[in-house]
PDB file of N, CA and C in Angstrom:
ATOM      1  N   MET A   1     -69.588  19.457  47.242  1.00  0.00           N
ATOM      2  CA  MET A   1     -69.720  19.847  45.857  1.00  0.00           C
ATOM      3  C   MET A   1     -70.362  18.601  45.036  1.00  0.00           C
ATOM      4  N   ARG A   2     -71.225  18.814  44.253  1.00  0.00           N
ATOM      5  CA  ARG A   2     -71.863  17.794  43.378  1.00  0.00           C
ATOM      6  C   ARG A   2     -71.051  17.591  42.147  1.00  0.00           C
ATOM      7  N   THR A   3     -70.830  16.212  41.916  1.00  0.00           N
ATOM      8  CA  THR A   3     -69.879  15.808  40.834  1.00  0.00           C
ATOM      9  C   THR A   3     -70.657  14.934  39.961  1.00  0.00           C
ATOM     10  N   LYS A   4     -70.646  15.161  38.613  1.00  0.00           N
ATOM     11  CA  LYS A   4     -71.264  14.299  37.577  1.00  0.00           C
ATOM     12  C   LYS A   4     -70.161  13.713  36.730  1.00  0.00           C
ATOM     13  N   VAL A   5     -70.332  12.315  36.438  1.00  0.00           N
ATOM     14  CA  VAL A   5     -69.287  11.644  35.590  1.00  0.00           C
ATOM     15  C   VAL A   5     -70.076  11.273  34.306  1.00  0.00           C
ATOM     16  N   GLU A   6     -69.599  11.818  33.101  1.00  0.00           N
ATOM     17  CA  GLU A   6     -70.112  11.528  31.810  1.00  0.00           C
ATOM     18  C   GLU A   6     -69.126  10.679  31.064  1.00  0.00           C
ATOM     19  N   VAL A   7     -69.665   9.658  30.376  1.00  0.00           N
ATOM     20  CA  VAL A   7     -68.882   8.652  29.576  1.00  0.00           C
ATOM     21  C   VAL A   7     -69.146   8.880  28.146  1.00  0.00           C
ATOM     22  N   ALA A   8     -68.112   8.972  27.379  1.00  0.00           N
ATOM     23  CA  ALA A   8     -68.206   9.020  25.868  1.00  0.00           C
ATOM     24  C   ALA A   8     -68.706   7.688  25.344  1.00  0.00           C
ATOM     25  N   PRO A   9     -69.290   7.694  24.143  1.00  0.00           N
ATOM     26  CA  PRO A   9     -69.549   6.302  23.494  1.00  0.00           C
ATOM     27  C   PRO A   9     -68.366   5.474  23.276  1.00  0.00           C
ATOM     28  N   GLN A  10     -67.285   6.009  22.930  1.00  0.00           N
ATOM     29  CA  GLN A  10     -66.128   5.224  22.781  1.00  0.00           C
ATOM     30  C   GLN A  10     -65.750   4.393  24.039  1.00  0.00           C
ATOM     31  N   VAL A  11     -65.823   5.149  25.161  1.00  0.00           N
ATOM     32  CA  VAL A  11     -65.499   4.509  26.421  1.00  0.00           C
ATOM     33  C   VAL A  11     -66.406   3.257  26.788  1.00  0.00           C
ATOM     34  N   LYS A  12     -67.697   3.616  26.443  1.00  0.00           N
ATOM     35  CA  LYS A  12     -68.787   2.710  26.826  1.00  0.00           C
ATOM     36  C   LYS A  12     -68.572   1.393  25.845  1.00  0.00           C
ATOM     37  N   GLU A  13     -68.242   1.630  24.535  1.00  0.00           N
ATOM     38  CA  GLU A  13     -68.003   0.429  23.660  1.00  0.00           C
ATOM     39  C   GLU A  13     -66.764  -0.328  24.109  1.00  0.00           C
ATOM     40  N   PHE A  14     -65.679   0.331  24.602  1.00  0.00           N
ATOM     41  CA  PHE A  14     -64.492  -0.280  24.956  1.00  0.00           C
ATOM     42  C   PHE A  14     -64.716  -1.175  26.169  1.00  0.00           C
ATOM     43  N   ILE A  15     -65.501  -0.656  27.282  1.00  0.00           N
ATOM     44  CA  ILE A  15     -65.855  -1.326  28.346  1.00  0.00           C
ATOM     45  C   ILE A  15     -66.577  -2.556  27.955  1.00  0.00           C
ATOM     46  N   ARG A  16     -67.617  -2.517  27.145  1.00  0.00           N
ATOM     47  CA  ARG A  16     -68.399  -3.623  26.722  1.00  0.00           C
ATOM     48  C   ARG A  16     -67.649  -4.737  26.082  1.00  0.00           C
ATOM     49  N   SER A  17     -66.524  -4.352  25.421  1.00  0.00           N
ATOM     50  CA  SER A  17     -65.625  -5.284  24.788  1.00  0.00           C
ATOM     51  C   SER A  17     -64.785  -6.177  25.610  1.00  0.00           C
ATOM     52  N   LEU A  18     -64.664  -5.833  26.961  1.00  0.00           N
ATOM     53  CA  LEU A  18     -63.823  -6.420  27.847  1.00  0.00           C
ATOM     54  C   LEU A  18     -64.449  -7.588  28.464  1.00  0.00           C
ATOM     55  N   ALA A  19     -63.707  -8.508  28.993  1.00  0.00           N
ATOM     56  CA  ALA A  19     -64.231  -9.670  29.854  1.00  0.00           C
ATOM     57  C   ALA A  19     -64.867  -9.191  31.013  1.00  0.00           C
ATOM     58  N   PRO A  20     -65.714  -9.977  31.722  1.00  0.00           N
ATOM     59  CA  PRO A  20     -66.484  -9.477  32.830  1.00  0.00           C
ATOM     60  C   PRO A  20     -65.725  -8.893  33.926  1.00  0.00           C
ATOM     61  N   ALA A  21     -64.567  -9.564  34.351  1.00  0.00           N
ATOM     62  CA  ALA A  21     -63.802  -9.037  35.559  1.00  0.00           C
ATOM     63  C   ALA A  21     -63.161  -7.663  35.287  1.00  0.00           C
ATOM     64  N   PRO A  22     -62.555  -7.431  34.214  1.00  0.00           N
ATOM     65  CA  PRO A  22     -62.008  -6.085  33.761  1.00  0.00           C
ATOM     66  C   PRO A  22     -63.184  -5.015  33.553  1.00  0.00           C
ATOM     67  N   ARG A  23     -64.230  -5.426  32.969  1.00  0.00           N
ATOM     68  CA  ARG A  23     -65.345  -4.588  32.817  1.00  0.00           C
ATOM     69  C   ARG A  23     -65.852  -4.035  34.083  1.00  0.00           C
ATOM     70  N   ARG A  24     -66.007  -4.981  35.139  1.00  0.00           N
ATOM     71  CA  ARG A  24     -66.547  -4.415  36.419  1.00  0.00           C
ATOM     72  C   ARG A  24     -65.463  -3.519  37.149  1.00  0.00           C
ATOM     73  N   SER A  25     -64.227  -3.865  37.130  1.00  0.00           N
ATOM     74  CA  SER A  25     -63.100  -2.954  37.532  1.00  0.00           C
ATOM     75  C   SER A  25     -63.140  -1.602  36.952  1.00  0.00           C
ATOM     76  N   LEU A  26     -63.181  -1.551  35.613  1.00  0.00           N
ATOM     77  CA  LEU A  26     -63.248  -0.254  35.062  1.00  0.00           C
ATOM     78  C   LEU A  26     -64.448   0.609  35.261  1.00  0.00           C
ATOM     79  N   THR A  27     -65.609  -0.203  35.273  1.00  0.00           N
ATOM     80  CA  THR A  27     -66.823   0.594  35.557  1.00  0.00           C
ATOM     81  C   THR A  27     -66.720   1.245  36.930  1.00  0.00           C
ATOM     82  N   ARG A  28     -66.357   0.355  37.875  1.00  0.00           N
ATOM     83  CA  ARG A  28     -66.321   0.789  39.243  1.00  0.00           C
ATOM     84  C   ARG A  28     -65.301   1.961  39.398  1.00  0.00           C
ATOM     85  N   ALA A  29     -64.158   1.926  38.683  1.00  0.00           N
ATOM     86  CA  ALA A  29     -63.172   2.865  38.893  1.00  0.00           C
ATOM     87  C   ALA A  29     -63.654   4.327  38.243  1.00  0.00           C
ATOM     88  N   ILE A  30     -64.411   4.115  37.035  1.00  0.00           N
ATOM     89  CA  ILE A  30     -64.851   5.315  36.484  1.00  0.00           C
ATOM     90  C   ILE A  30     -65.998   6.084  37.384  1.00  0.00           C
ATOM     91  N   LYS A  31     -66.772   5.226  38.021  1.00  0.00           N
ATOM     92  CA  LYS A  31     -67.738   5.728  38.955  1.00  0.00           C
ATOM     93  C   LYS A  31     -67.081   6.465  40.156  1.00  0.00           C
ATOM     94  N   SER A  32     -66.013   5.956  40.558  1.00  0.00           N
ATOM     95  CA  SER A  32     -65.231   6.440  41.815  1.00  0.00           C
ATOM     96  C   SER A  32     -64.564   7.881  41.469  1.00  0.00           C
ATOM     97  N   LEU A  33     -64.445   8.267  40.116  1.00  0.00           N
ATOM     98  CA  LEU A  33     -63.979   9.576  39.848  1.00  0.00           C
ATOM     99  C   LEU A  33     -64.713  10.709  40.509  1.00  0.00           C
ATOM    100  N   GLY A  34     -65.956  10.438  40.626  1.00  0.00           N
ATOM    101  CA  GLY A  34     -66.791  11.580  41.237  1.00  0.00           C
ATOM    102  C   GLY A  34     -66.426  11.738  42.649  1.00  0.00           C
ATOM    103  N   GLN A  35     -65.705  10.818  43.363  1.00  0.00           N
ATOM    104  CA  GLN A  35     -65.267  10.964  44.752  1.00  0.00           C
ATOM    105  C   GLN A  35     -63.803  11.163  44.783  1.00  0.00           C
ATOM    106  N   ASN A  36     -63.111  11.685  43.725  1.00  0.00           N
ATOM    107  CA  ASN A  36     -61.839  11.792  43.593  1.00  0.00           C
ATOM    108  C   ASN A  36     -60.935  10.580  44.068  1.00  0.00           C
ATOM    109  N   ALA A  37     -61.471   9.448  43.721  1.00  0.00           N
ATOM    110  CA  ALA A  37     -60.753   8.282  44.024  1.00  0.00           C
ATOM    111  C   ALA A  37     -60.051   7.613  42.806  1.00  0.00           C
ATOM    112  N   GLY A  38     -59.203   6.655  42.976  1.00  0.00           N
ATOM    113  CA  GLY A  38     -58.586   5.878  41.811  1.00  0.00           C
ATOM    114  C   GLY A  38     -57.154   6.410  41.634  1.00  0.00           C
ATOM    115  N   ASP A  39     -56.450   5.685  40.737  1.00  0.00           N
ATOM    116  CA  ASP A  39     -55.022   5.973  40.424  1.00  0.00           C
ATOM    117  C   ASP A  39     -55.090   6.960  39.276  1.00  0.00           C
ATOM    118  N   ARG A  40     -55.134   8.292  39.679  1.00  0.00           N
ATOM    119  CA  ARG A  40     -55.172   9.336  38.609  1.00  0.00           C
ATOM    120  C   ARG A  40     -53.922  10.103  38.500  1.00  0.00           C
ATOM    121  N   LYS A  41     -53.666  10.786  37.247  1.00  0.00           N
ATOM    122  CA  LYS A  41     -52.502  11.416  37.065  1.00  0.00           C
ATOM    123  C   LYS A  41     -52.703  12.588  36.061  1.00  0.00           C
ATOM    124  N   ILE A  42     -52.228  13.727  36.369  1.00  0.00           N
ATOM    125  CA  ILE A  42     -52.374  14.832  35.224  1.00  0.00           C
ATOM    126  C   ILE A  42     -51.346  14.641  34.182  1.00  0.00           C
ATOM    127  N   LEU A  43     -51.869  14.717  32.998  1.00  0.00           N
ATOM    128  CA  LEU A  43     -51.040  14.429  31.775  1.00  0.00           C
ATOM    129  C   LEU A  43     -50.211  15.750  31.397  1.00  0.00           C
ATOM    130  N   GLU A  44     -49.098  15.608  30.721  1.00  0.00           N
ATOM    131  CA  GLU A  44     -48.243  16.663  30.484  1.00  0.00           C
ATOM    132  C   GLU A  44     -47.920  16.618  28.965  1.00  0.00           C
ATOM    133  N   GLY A  45     -47.206  17.751  28.409  1.00  0.00           N
ATOM    134  CA  GLY A  45     -46.823  17.828  27.069  1.00  0.00           C
ATOM    135  C   GLY A  45     -48.018  18.037  26.275  1.00  0.00           C
ATOM    136  N   ARG A  46     -48.191  17.303  25.022  1.00  0.00           N
ATOM    137  CA  ARG A  46     -49.267  17.642  24.141  1.00  0.00           C
ATOM    138  C   ARG A  46     -50.603  17.212  24.734  1.00  0.00           C
ATOM    139  N   LEU A  47     -50.477  16.409  25.717  1.00  0.00           N
ATOM    140  CA  LEU A  47     -51.799  16.036  26.379  1.00  0.00           C
ATOM    141  C   LEU A  47     -52.217  16.896  27.625  1.00  0.00           C
ATOM    142  N   ALA A  48     -51.504  17.953  27.818  1.00  0.00           N
ATOM    143  CA  ALA A  48     -51.750  18.836  28.964  1.00  0.00           C
ATOM    144  C   ALA A  48     -53.260  19.161  29.008  1.00  0.00           C
ATOM    145  N   GLY A  49     -53.808  19.306  30.086  1.00  0.00           N
ATOM    146  CA  GLY A  49     -55.153  19.609  30.237  1.00  0.00           C
ATOM    147  C   GLY A  49     -56.125  18.418  30.370  1.00  0.00           C
ATOM    148  N   TYR A  50     -55.470  17.246  30.253  1.00  0.00           N
ATOM    149  CA  TYR A  50     -56.209  16.006  30.378  1.00  0.00           C
ATOM    150  C   TYR A  50     -55.569  15.265  31.557  1.00  0.00           C
ATOM    151  N   GLN A  51     -56.323  14.307  32.093  1.00  0.00           N
ATOM    152  CA  GLN A  51     -55.853  13.449  33.166  1.00  0.00           C
ATOM    153  C   GLN A  51     -56.071  12.036  32.665  1.00  0.00           C
ATOM    154  N   ARG A  52     -55.434  11.019  33.368  1.00  0.00           N
ATOM    155  CA  ARG A  52     -55.693   9.765  33.042  1.00  0.00           C
ATOM    156  C   ARG A  52     -56.084   8.909  34.330  1.00  0.00           C
ATOM    157  N   LEU A  53     -56.895   7.866  34.122  1.00  0.00           N
ATOM    158  CA  LEU A  53     -57.295   6.945  35.318  1.00  0.00           C
ATOM    159  C   LEU A  53     -56.625   5.649  34.877  1.00  0.00           C
ATOM    160  N   ARG A  54     -55.807   5.034  35.880  1.00  0.00           N
ATOM    161  CA  ARG A  54     -55.200   3.752  35.517  1.00  0.00           C
ATOM    162  C   ARG A  54     -55.986   2.670  36.363  1.00  0.00           C
ATOM    163  N   VAL A  55     -56.400   1.617  35.504  1.00  0.00           N
ATOM    164  CA  VAL A  55     -57.040   0.513  36.011  1.00  0.00           C
ATOM    165  C   VAL A  55     -56.347  -0.777  35.388  1.00  0.00           C
ATOM    166  N   ALA A  56     -55.488  -1.285  36.099  1.00  0.00           N
ATOM    167  CA  ALA A  56     -54.779  -2.452  35.636  1.00  0.00           C
ATOM    168  C   ALA A  56     -53.911  -2.167  34.429  1.00  0.00           C
ATOM    169  N   ASN A  57     -54.350  -2.880  33.356  1.00  0.00           N
ATOM    170  CA  ASN A  57     -53.609  -2.537  31.983  1.00  0.00           C
ATOM    171  C   ASN A  57     -54.434  -1.583  31.027  1.00  0.00           C
ATOM    172  N   HIS A  58     -55.471  -0.947  31.637  1.00  0.00           N
ATOM    173  CA  HIS A  58     -56.215  -0.080  30.921  1.00  0.00           C
ATOM    174  C   HIS A  58     -56.114   1.339  31.339  1.00  0.00           C
ATOM    175  N   ARG A  59     -56.368   2.278  30.584  1.00  0.00           N
ATOM    176  CA  ARG A  59     -56.250   3.726  30.836  1.00  0.00           C
ATOM    177  C   ARG A  59     -57.514   4.367  30.312  1.00  0.00           C
ATOM    178  N   VAL A  60     -58.086   5.310  31.163  1.00  0.00           N
ATOM    179  CA  VAL A  60     -59.096   6.129  30.658  1.00  0.00           C
ATOM    180  C   VAL A  60     -58.639   7.662  30.691  1.00  0.00           C
ATOM    181  N   ILE A  61     -58.900   8.456  29.573  1.00  0.00           N
ATOM    182  CA  ILE A  61     -58.384   9.732  29.442  1.00  0.00           C
ATOM    183  C   ILE A  61     -59.766  10.562  29.814  1.00  0.00           C
ATOM    184  N   TYR A  62     -59.553  11.536  30.720  1.00  0.00           N
ATOM    185  CA  TYR A  62     -60.673  12.413  31.026  1.00  0.00           C
ATOM    186  C   TYR A  62     -60.282  13.746  31.288  1.00  0.00           C
ATOM    187  N   ARG A  63     -61.355  14.593  31.317  1.00  0.00           N
ATOM    188  CA  ARG A  63     -61.072  16.059  31.659  1.00  0.00           C
ATOM    189  C   ARG A  63     -62.077  16.441  32.681  1.00  0.00           C
ATOM    190  N   GLU A  64     -61.729  17.303  33.500  1.00  0.00           N
ATOM    191  CA  GLU A  64     -62.710  17.839  34.562  1.00  0.00           C
ATOM    192  C   GLU A  64     -62.906  19.337  34.212  1.00  0.00           C
ATOM    193  N   GLN A  65     -64.230  19.674  34.355  1.00  0.00           N
ATOM    194  CA  GLN A  65     -64.713  21.102  34.090  1.00  0.00           C
ATOM    195  C   GLN A  65     -65.784  21.473  35.105  1.00  0.00           C
ATOM    196  N   PHE A  66     -65.954  22.761  35.232  1.00  0.00           N
ATOM    197  CA  PHE A  66     -67.173  23.239  36.085  1.00  0.00           C
ATOM    198  C   PHE A  66     -68.209  23.620  35.035  1.00  0.00           C
ATOM    199  N   VAL A  67     -69.334  23.167  35.267  1.00  0.00           N
ATOM    200  CA  VAL A  67     -70.515  23.496  34.376  1.00  0.00           C
ATOM    201  C   VAL A  67     -71.673  23.857  35.320  1.00  0.00           C
ATOM    202  N   ALA A  68     -72.108  25.040  35.239  1.00  0.00           N
ATOM    203  CA  ALA A  68     -73.248  25.567  36.051  1.00  0.00           C
ATOM    204  C   ALA A  68     -73.066  25.158  37.505  1.00  0.00           C
ATOM    205  N   GLY A  69     -71.891  25.415  38.173  1.00  0.00           N
ATOM    206  CA  GLY A  69     -71.635  25.265  39.400  1.00  0.00           C
ATOM    207  C   GLY A  69     -71.365  23.849  39.866  1.00  0.00           C
ATOM    208  N   ALA A  70     -71.386  22.954  39.007  1.00  0.00           N
ATOM    209  CA  ALA A  70     -71.176  21.473  39.367  1.00  0.00           C
ATOM    210  C   ALA A  70     -69.826  21.092  38.673  1.00  0.00           C
ATOM    211  N   ARG A  71     -69.072  20.128  39.264  1.00  0.00           N
ATOM    212  CA  ARG A  71     -67.854  19.617  38.660  1.00  0.00           C
ATOM    213  C   ARG A  71     -68.429  18.458  37.862  1.00  0.00           C
ATOM    214  N   VAL A  72     -67.915  18.388  36.577  1.00  0.00           N
ATOM    215  CA  VAL A  72     -68.166  17.366  35.640  1.00  0.00           C
ATOM    216  C   VAL A  72     -66.949  16.757  35.124  1.00  0.00           C
ATOM    217  N   VAL A  73     -67.010  15.423  35.254  1.00  0.00           N
ATOM    218  CA  VAL A  73     -65.789  14.600  34.801  1.00  0.00           C
ATOM    219  C   VAL A  73     -66.239  14.009  33.508  1.00  0.00           C
ATOM    220  N   PHE A  74     -65.677  14.433  32.399  1.00  0.00           N
ATOM    221  CA  PHE A  74     -65.900  13.871  31.036  1.00  0.00           C
ATOM    222  C   PHE A  74     -64.765  12.840  30.689  1.00  0.00           C
ATOM    223  N   CYS A  75     -65.267  11.475  30.753  1.00  0.00           N
ATOM    224  CA  CYS A  75     -64.376  10.368  30.321  1.00  0.00           C
ATOM    225  C   CYS A  75     -64.431  10.324  28.801  1.00  0.00           C
ATOM    226  N   ILE A  76     -63.353  10.760  28.101  1.00  0.00           N
ATOM    227  CA  ILE A  76     -63.351  10.860  26.796  1.00  0.00           C
ATOM    228  C   ILE A  76     -62.887   9.682  25.962  1.00  0.00           C
ATOM    229  N   PHE A  77     -61.969   9.032  26.350  1.00  0.00           N
ATOM    230  CA  PHE A  77     -61.180   7.875  25.589  1.00  0.00           C
ATOM    231  C   PHE A  77     -60.676   6.817  26.573  1.00  0.00           C
ATOM    232  N   ALA A  78     -60.891   5.475  26.130  1.00  0.00           N
ATOM    233  CA  ALA A  78     -60.261   4.499  26.917  1.00  0.00           C
ATOM    234  C   ALA A  78     -59.655   3.346  25.997  1.00  0.00           C
ATOM    235  N   GLU A  79     -58.586   2.841  26.483  1.00  0.00           N
ATOM    236  CA  GLU A  79     -57.880   1.847  25.548  1.00  0.00           C
ATOM    237  C   GLU A  79     -56.854   1.015  26.440  1.00  0.00           C
ATOM    238  N   HIS A  80     -56.237   0.129  25.926  1.00  0.00           N
ATOM    239  CA  HIS A  80     -55.129  -0.629  26.636  1.00  0.00           C
ATOM    240  C   HIS A  80     -53.931   0.322  26.811  1.00  0.00           C
ATOM    241  N   ARG A  81     -53.216   0.144  27.882  1.00  0.00           N
ATOM    242  CA  ARG A  81     -52.196   1.116  28.111  1.00  0.00           C
ATOM    243  C   ARG A  81     -51.057   1.171  27.138  1.00  0.00           C
ATOM    244  N   SER A  82     -50.837   0.196  26.367  1.00  0.00           N
ATOM    245  CA  SER A  82     -49.771   0.253  25.394  1.00  0.00           C
ATOM    246  C   SER A  82     -50.054   1.071  24.146  1.00  0.00           C
ATOM    247  N   VAL A  83     -51.273   1.499  23.910  1.00  0.00           N
ATOM    248  CA  VAL A  83     -51.626   2.351  22.747  1.00  0.00           C
ATOM    249  C   VAL A  83     -52.459   3.545  23.043  1.00  0.00           C
ATOM    250  N   VAL A  84     -52.996   3.653  24.209  1.00  0.00           N
ATOM    251  CA  VAL A  84     -53.989   4.629  24.604  1.00  0.00           C
ATOM    252  C   VAL A  84     -53.466   6.155  24.262  1.00  0.00           C
ATOM    253  N   TYR A  85     -52.206   6.470  24.606  1.00  0.00           N
ATOM    254  CA  TYR A  85     -51.780   7.794  24.562  1.00  0.00           C
ATOM    255  C   TYR A  85     -51.496   8.169  23.030  1.00  0.00           C
ATOM    256  N   LYS A  86     -50.797   7.195  22.399  1.00  0.00           N
ATOM    257  CA  LYS A  86     -50.632   7.440  20.964  1.00  0.00           C
ATOM    258  C   LYS A  86     -51.945   7.720  20.113  1.00  0.00           C
ATOM    259  N   ILE A  87     -52.863   6.774  20.281  1.00  0.00           N
ATOM    260  CA  ILE A  87     -54.119   6.919  19.568  1.00  0.00           C
ATOM    261  C   ILE A  87     -54.938   8.207  20.022  1.00  0.00           C
ATOM    262  N   PHE A  88     -54.899   8.466  21.345  1.00  0.00           N
ATOM    263  CA  PHE A  88     -55.667   9.732  21.610  1.00  0.00           C
ATOM    264  C   PHE A  88     -54.962  11.014  21.178  1.00  0.00           C
ATOM    265  N   GLN A  89     -53.726  10.910  21.181  1.00  0.00           N
ATOM    266  CA  GLN A  89     -52.921  12.138  20.686  1.00  0.00           C
ATOM    267  C   GLN A  89     -53.210  12.339  19.143  1.00  0.00           C
ATOM    268  N   GLN A  90     -53.244  11.199  18.427  1.00  0.00           N
ATOM    269  CA  GLN A  90     -53.567  11.306  16.979  1.00  0.00           C
ATOM    270  C   GLN A  90     -54.906  11.750  16.792  1.00  0.00           C
ATOM    271  N   MET A  91     -55.903  11.332  17.553  1.00  0.00           N
ATOM    272  CA  MET A  91     -57.277  11.787  17.516  1.00  0.00           C
ATOM    273  C   MET A  91     -57.341  13.349  17.653  1.00  0.00           C
ATOM    274  N   LEU A  92     -56.686  13.853  18.670  1.00  0.00           N
ATOM    275  CA  LEU A  92     -56.670  15.294  18.958  1.00  0.00           C
ATOM    276  C   LEU A  92     -56.032  16.116  17.800  1.00  0.00           C
ATOM    277  N   LEU A  93     -54.970  15.489  17.186  1.00  0.00           N
ATOM    278  CA  LEU A  93     -54.280  16.227  15.993  1.00  0.00           C
ATOM    279  C   LEU A  93     -55.301  16.296  14.826  1.00  0.00           C
ATOM    280  N   GLU A  94     -56.028  15.177  14.540  1.00  0.00           N
ATOM    281  CA  GLU A  94     -56.916  15.087  13.510  1.00  0.00           C
ATOM    282  C   GLU A  94     -58.089  16.034  13.686  1.00  0.00           C
ATOM    283  N   GLU A  95     -58.503  16.188  14.973  1.00  0.00           N
ATOM    284  CA  GLU A  95     -59.576  17.038  15.198  1.00  0.00           C
ATOM    285  C   GLU A  95     -59.118  18.512  15.086  1.00  0.00           C
ATOM    286  N   LEU A  96     -57.874  18.775  15.568  1.00  0.00           N
ATOM    287  CA  LEU A  96     -57.407  20.101  15.290  1.00  0.00           C
ATOM    288  C   LEU A  96     -57.203  20.506  13.801  1.00  0.00           C
ATOM    289  N   SER A  97     -56.847  19.599  12.972  1.00  0.00           N
ATOM    290  CA  SER A  97     -56.706  19.840  11.535  1.00  0.00           C
ATOM    291  C   SER A  97     -58.016  20.039  10.803  1.00  0.00           C
ATOM    292  N   LYS A  98     -59.076  19.588  11.305  1.00  0.00           N
ATOM    293  CA  LYS A  98     -60.363  19.975  10.804  1.00  0.00           C
ATOM    294  C   LYS A  98     -60.809  21.207  11.017  1.00  0.00           C
ATOM    295  N   GLN A  99     -60.338  21.935  12.038  1.00  0.00           N
ATOM    296  CA  GLN A  99     -60.914  23.376  12.336  1.00  0.00           C
ATOM    297  C   GLN A  99     -60.321  24.395  11.657  1.00  0.00           C
TER     298      GLN A  99
END
């Protein structure tokens, strides 16, 4: 099955802000999502429907969908592990309040 990995602008900016070694690790790990590799976990509670990729002290929140017969992994948000879930949850709540 064909898999495409798409990366949101926020994730790209976060990766660019990192030092070279973590930048390479995170980039490699995101690319490996297409092969179902990496330290992945399904999120629960208010973040149900999303998954996370753990790379050292960083987390990437992503969602898998099937589009036109292909699996697409959308990397939505990335941040340091200490704040990633709190910030992402707040972003979701703000987006829901706009609708």
